[in-house]
């Protein structure tokens, strides 16, 4: 399985979107400052995740989210 996920940091009021094949491990890495952008703070919370059969599908959604704007994408889900 592959995942597209969205994180939110309250301290910097920012969203982050990514994709992975191991969601739990990737979230742990974000919490340990192993990522350039998410290393800015350590209060990242998982907002939403999507599961896919292929890596291509996960990447495709990640790019769609980033192109639209992560905050706008999240807001569109609430409607």
Protein backbone atom coordinates (compact mmCIF):
# COMPACT_ATOMS: atom_id res chain seq x y z
CA UNK A 1 0.00 0.00 0.00
CA UNK A 2 0.98 3.60 -0.59
CA UNK A 3 -0.26 6.69 1.17
CA UNK A 4 -0.70 10.39 0.53
CA UNK A 5 -0.87 12.31 3.78
CA UNK A 6 -1.38 15.82 5.08
CA UNK A 7 0.17 17.17 8.27
CA UNK A 8 -0.50 20.44 10.12
CA UNK A 9 1.69 22.38 12.53
CA UNK A 10 -0.14 24.78 14.83
CA UNK A 11 3.06 26.53 15.91
CA UNK A 12 3.91 27.70 12.36
CA UNK A 13 0.33 27.48 11.01
CA UNK A 14 1.44 25.45 7.98
CA UNK A 15 0.35 22.30 6.19
CA UNK A 16 2.61 19.68 4.63
CA UNK A 17 1.66 17.02 2.08
CA UNK A 18 3.69 13.96 1.16
CA UNK A 19 3.52 10.33 0.07
CA UNK A 20 5.03 7.15 1.47
CA UNK A 21 4.77 3.38 1.56
CA UNK A 22 5.13 3.27 5.36
CA UNK A 23 2.93 5.91 6.96
CA UNK A 24 3.82 5.20 10.59
CA UNK A 25 7.56 5.27 9.95
CA UNK A 26 7.31 8.43 7.86
CA UNK A 27 5.32 10.24 10.56
CA UNK A 28 7.94 9.22 13.09
CA UNK A 29 10.70 10.61 10.84
CA UNK A 30 8.89 13.94 10.61
CA UNK A 31 8.77 14.03 14.40
CA UNK A 32 12.53 13.46 14.62
CA UNK A 33 13.52 16.43 12.41
CA UNK A 34 14.63 14.17 9.54
CA UNK A 35 12.87 16.30 6.95
CA UNK A 36 14.01 19.78 5.92
CA UNK A 37 10.60 21.50 5.95
CA UNK A 38 8.99 19.59 8.81
CA UNK A 39 12.17 19.86 10.89
CA UNK A 40 11.18 23.47 11.63
CA UNK A 41 8.99 22.32 14.51
CA UNK A 42 7.88 19.15 16.25
CA UNK A 43 4.13 19.55 16.67
CA UNK A 44 3.03 18.03 13.33
CA UNK A 45 -0.35 16.30 13.48
CA UNK A 46 -1.79 13.99 10.85
CA UNK A 47 -4.85 15.72 9.38
CA UNK A 48 -5.77 13.30 6.59
CA UNK A 49 -4.40 10.27 4.81
CA UNK A 50 -5.43 8.44 1.66
CA UNK A 51 -4.54 4.84 0.80
CA UNK A 52 -3.65 3.65 -2.72
CA UNK A 53 -2.64 0.44 -4.44
CA UNK A 54 0.18 2.07 -6.42
CA UNK A 55 2.87 4.65 -5.79
CA UNK A 56 1.82 6.47 -8.96
CA UNK A 57 -1.66 7.09 -7.56
CA UNK A 58 -0.23 8.41 -4.29
CA UNK A 59 2.15 10.77 -6.08
CA UNK A 60 -0.61 11.94 -8.41
CA UNK A 61 -2.82 12.96 -5.47
CA UNK A 62 0.10 14.62 -3.65
CA UNK A 63 0.83 16.76 -6.72
CA UNK A 64 -2.86 17.61 -7.14
CA UNK A 65 -3.05 18.71 -3.50
CA UNK A 66 0.08 20.85 -3.75
CA UNK A 67 -1.03 22.42 -7.04
CA UNK A 68 -4.39 23.40 -5.60
CA UNK A 69 -2.92 24.51 -2.27
CA UNK A 70 -3.01 22.24 0.76
CA UNK A 71 -5.15 24.58 2.87
CA UNK A 72 -7.71 24.97 0.06
CA UNK A 73 -7.75 21.21 -0.51
CA UNK A 74 -8.48 20.58 3.19
CA UNK A 75 -11.21 23.22 3.19
CA UNK A 76 -12.85 21.60 0.15
CA UNK A 77 -13.05 18.31 2.06
CA UNK A 78 -15.03 19.98 4.86
CA UNK A 79 -17.82 21.09 2.50
